[in-house]
Amino acid sequence: MKIDLGSCGASFAVLCSLALFDVQAANTVYRCPGNVYTDTISAKEAQERGCRTLEGAPVTVIQSVPPRTESKPVPAQAGSTARASKGRSEAKVDPNDQRLRDSDARRILEAELSTETERLASLQKEYNNGEPERRGEERNFQKYLDRVAELKASIARKEDDIAALKRELAKLPQ
Protein backbone atom coordinates (compact mmCIF):
# COMPACT_ATOMS: atom_id res chain seq x y z
CA MET A 1 0.00 0.00 0.00
CA LYS A 2 1.47 3.34 -1.06
CA ILE A 3 0.38 6.66 0.41
CA ASP A 4 1.04 9.86 -1.48
CA LEU A 5 1.44 12.72 0.95
CA GLY A 6 2.43 15.30 -1.65
CA SER A 7 3.36 18.62 -0.11
CA CYS A 8 2.25 17.34 3.27
CA GLY A 9 5.05 14.76 3.16
CA ALA A 10 7.71 17.42 2.60
CA SER A 11 6.54 19.53 5.52
CA PHE A 12 6.36 16.38 7.67
CA ALA A 13 10.00 15.59 6.82
CA VAL A 14 11.05 19.13 7.75
CA LEU A 15 9.22 18.88 11.08
CA CYS A 16 10.87 15.52 11.82
CA SER A 17 14.33 16.87 11.07
CA LEU A 18 13.71 19.90 13.32
CA ALA A 19 12.56 17.63 16.13
CA LEU A 20 15.62 15.44 15.66
CA PHE A 21 17.90 18.50 15.72
CA ASP A 22 16.18 19.71 18.89
CA VAL A 23 16.69 16.31 20.58
CA GLN A 24 20.36 16.24 19.59
CA ALA A 25 20.89 19.74 20.95
CA ALA A 26 19.23 18.77 24.22
CA ASN A 27 21.47 15.71 24.59
CA THR A 28 24.85 17.38 24.09
CA VAL A 29 27.38 15.57 26.25
CA TYR A 30 30.19 17.57 27.80
CA ARG A 31 33.51 16.32 29.12
CA CYS A 32 34.59 18.42 32.03
CA PRO A 33 37.95 18.46 33.84
CA GLY A 34 38.46 15.43 36.07
CA ASN A 35 36.88 13.06 33.51
CA VAL A 36 33.37 14.15 34.45
CA TYR A 37 30.84 13.54 31.68
CA THR A 38 27.51 15.30 31.85
CA ASP A 39 24.56 16.30 29.70
CA THR A 40 22.71 18.22 32.41
CA ILE A 41 24.45 21.59 32.09
CA SER A 42 23.89 24.39 29.61
CA ALA A 43 26.38 25.51 27.02
CA LYS A 44 27.20 28.61 29.07
CA GLU A 45 27.86 26.55 32.23
CA ALA A 46 30.02 24.15 30.22
CA GLN A 47 32.09 27.05 28.91
CA GLU A 48 32.53 28.49 32.42
CA ARG A 49 33.69 25.13 33.80
CA GLY A 50 36.07 24.51 30.90
CA CYS A 51 34.09 21.57 29.51
CA ARG A 52 34.29 20.41 25.90
CA THR A 53 31.55 18.85 23.80
CA LEU A 54 31.96 15.27 22.71
CA GLU A 55 31.63 14.62 19.02
CA GLY A 56 30.78 11.31 17.41
CA ALA A 57 29.25 8.27 19.03
CA PRO A 58 26.88 8.64 21.95
CA VAL A 59 28.40 8.09 25.37
CA THR A 60 26.78 6.02 28.09
CA VAL A 61 27.62 7.27 31.55
CA ILE A 62 26.94 5.01 34.51
CA GLN A 63 26.99 6.49 37.97
CA SER A 64 29.31 4.51 40.20
CA VAL A 65 28.29 3.38 43.65
CA PRO A 66 30.70 4.16 46.47
CA PRO A 67 32.12 1.01 48.09
CA ARG A 68 30.41 -0.17 51.23
CA THR A 69 32.39 -0.69 54.35
CA GLU A 70 31.45 -4.02 55.78
CA SER A 71 31.01 -4.06 59.51
CA LYS A 72 30.02 -7.42 60.87
CA PRO A 73 28.22 -7.54 64.18
CA VAL A 74 30.11 -9.26 66.95
CA PRO A 75 27.99 -11.87 68.75
CA ALA A 76 27.55 -11.17 72.44
CA GLN A 77 29.02 -14.17 74.25
CA ALA A 78 29.73 -14.70 77.90
CA GLY A 79 33.42 -14.11 78.57
CA SER A 80 33.99 -12.58 75.14
CA THR A 81 36.77 -10.01 75.14
CA ALA A 82 35.68 -8.45 71.84
CA ARG A 83 34.12 -5.07 72.46
CA ALA A 84 33.36 -2.30 70.04
CA SER A 85 34.81 0.98 71.19
CA LYS A 86 33.27 4.30 70.40
CA GLY A 87 34.42 5.71 67.05
CA ARG A 88 35.61 2.39 65.58
CA SER A 89 33.62 0.84 62.76
CA GLU A 90 34.74 -2.74 63.39
CA ALA A 91 35.33 -4.68 66.57
CA LYS A 92 38.47 -6.71 67.19
CA VAL A 93 38.14 -10.45 66.53
CA ASP A 94 38.07 -12.67 69.60
CA PRO A 95 41.40 -14.55 69.95
CA ASN A 96 39.57 -17.88 70.28
CA ASP A 97 37.68 -17.22 67.05
CA GLN A 98 40.94 -16.30 65.31
CA ARG A 99 42.60 -19.53 66.52
CA LEU A 100 39.66 -21.51 65.14
CA ARG A 101 39.93 -19.73 61.79
CA ASP A 102 43.67 -20.34 61.65
CA SER A 103 43.28 -24.01 62.48
CA ASP A 104 40.59 -24.39 59.79
CA ALA A 105 42.83 -22.69 57.25
CA ARG A 106 45.75 -24.92 58.22
CA ARG A 107 43.60 -28.06 57.95
CA ILE A 108 42.34 -27.06 54.49
CA LEU A 109 45.83 -26.20 53.24
CA GLU A 110 47.28 -29.45 54.60
CA ALA A 111 44.53 -31.48 52.89
CA GLU A 112 45.17 -29.68 49.62
CA LEU A 113 48.91 -30.21 50.02
CA SER A 114 48.46 -33.95 50.50
CA THR A 115 46.23 -34.30 47.40
CA GLU A 116 48.67 -32.26 45.29
CA THR A 117 51.56 -34.39 46.55
CA GLU A 118 49.68 -37.54 45.55
CA ARG A 119 48.96 -36.12 42.10
CA LEU A 120 52.62 -35.19 41.70
CA ALA A 121 53.67 -38.72 42.64
CA SER A 122 51.30 -40.23 40.07
CA LEU A 123 52.55 -37.83 37.37
CA GLN A 124 56.17 -38.67 38.17
CA LYS A 125 55.36 -42.38 38.04
CA GLU A 126 53.72 -41.95 34.63
CA TYR A 127 56.61 -39.74 33.43
CA ASN A 128 59.11 -42.51 34.32
CA ASN A 129 62.18 -40.23 34.28
CA GLY A 130 61.39 -38.88 30.82
CA GLU A 131 60.60 -42.21 29.22
CA PRO A 132 56.91 -43.02 29.75
CA GLU A 133 55.45 -46.11 28.13
CA ARG A 134 54.05 -45.54 24.67
CA ARG A 135 50.32 -45.90 24.25
CA GLY A 136 48.54 -47.60 21.39
CA GLU A 137 47.26 -44.36 19.90
CA GLU A 138 50.79 -42.95 19.78
CA ARG A 139 51.97 -44.64 16.62
CA ASN A 140 53.13 -41.24 15.49
CA PHE A 141 56.31 -40.48 17.46
CA GLN A 142 55.43 -36.75 17.61
CA LYS A 143 52.28 -37.54 19.60
CA TYR A 144 54.45 -39.41 22.09
CA LEU A 145 56.87 -36.48 22.34
CA ASP A 146 53.97 -34.05 22.84
CA ARG A 147 52.61 -36.18 25.70
CA VAL A 148 56.06 -36.35 27.31
CA ALA A 149 56.41 -32.55 27.10
CA GLU A 150 52.91 -32.12 28.55
CA LEU A 151 53.74 -34.46 31.43
CA LYS A 152 56.95 -32.55 32.14
CA ALA A 153 55.06 -29.24 32.19
CA SER A 154 52.38 -30.72 34.46
CA ILE A 155 55.03 -31.93 36.89
CA ALA A 156 56.61 -28.46 36.97
CA ARG A 157 53.19 -26.86 37.65
CA LYS A 158 52.45 -29.31 40.47
CA GLU A 159 55.85 -28.64 42.04
CA ASP A 160 55.14 -24.90 41.92
CA ASP A 161 51.69 -25.45 43.45
CA ILE A 162 53.17 -27.52 46.27
CA ALA A 163 55.80 -24.87 46.96
CA ALA A 164 53.07 -22.19 47.12
CA LEU A 165 50.99 -24.29 49.52
CA LYS A 166 54.03 -24.78 51.76
CA ARG A 167 54.65 -21.01 51.77
CA GLU A 168 51.02 -20.39 52.78
CA LEU A 169 51.29 -22.95 55.57
CA ALA A 170 54.46 -21.29 56.84
CA LYS A 171 52.60 -17.97 57.14
CA LEU A 172 49.99 -19.42 59.50
CA PRO A 173 50.70 -19.46 63.23
CA GLN A 174 51.48 -22.84 64.77
Foldseek 3Di string as FASTA:
>chain_A
DDDDPDVNVVVVVVVVVVVVVVVCQQQWWKQAPPRDIDSPDDPVVCVVRVIDTDDDDDDDDDDDDDDDDDEDDDDDDVPFPWDDDPPDRYIDDGPVVVVVVLVVVLVVLVVVLVVLVVVLVVLCVQCVVVDHDDDPVPPPVVVVVVVNVVSVVVNVVSVVVNVVSVVVNVPGDD
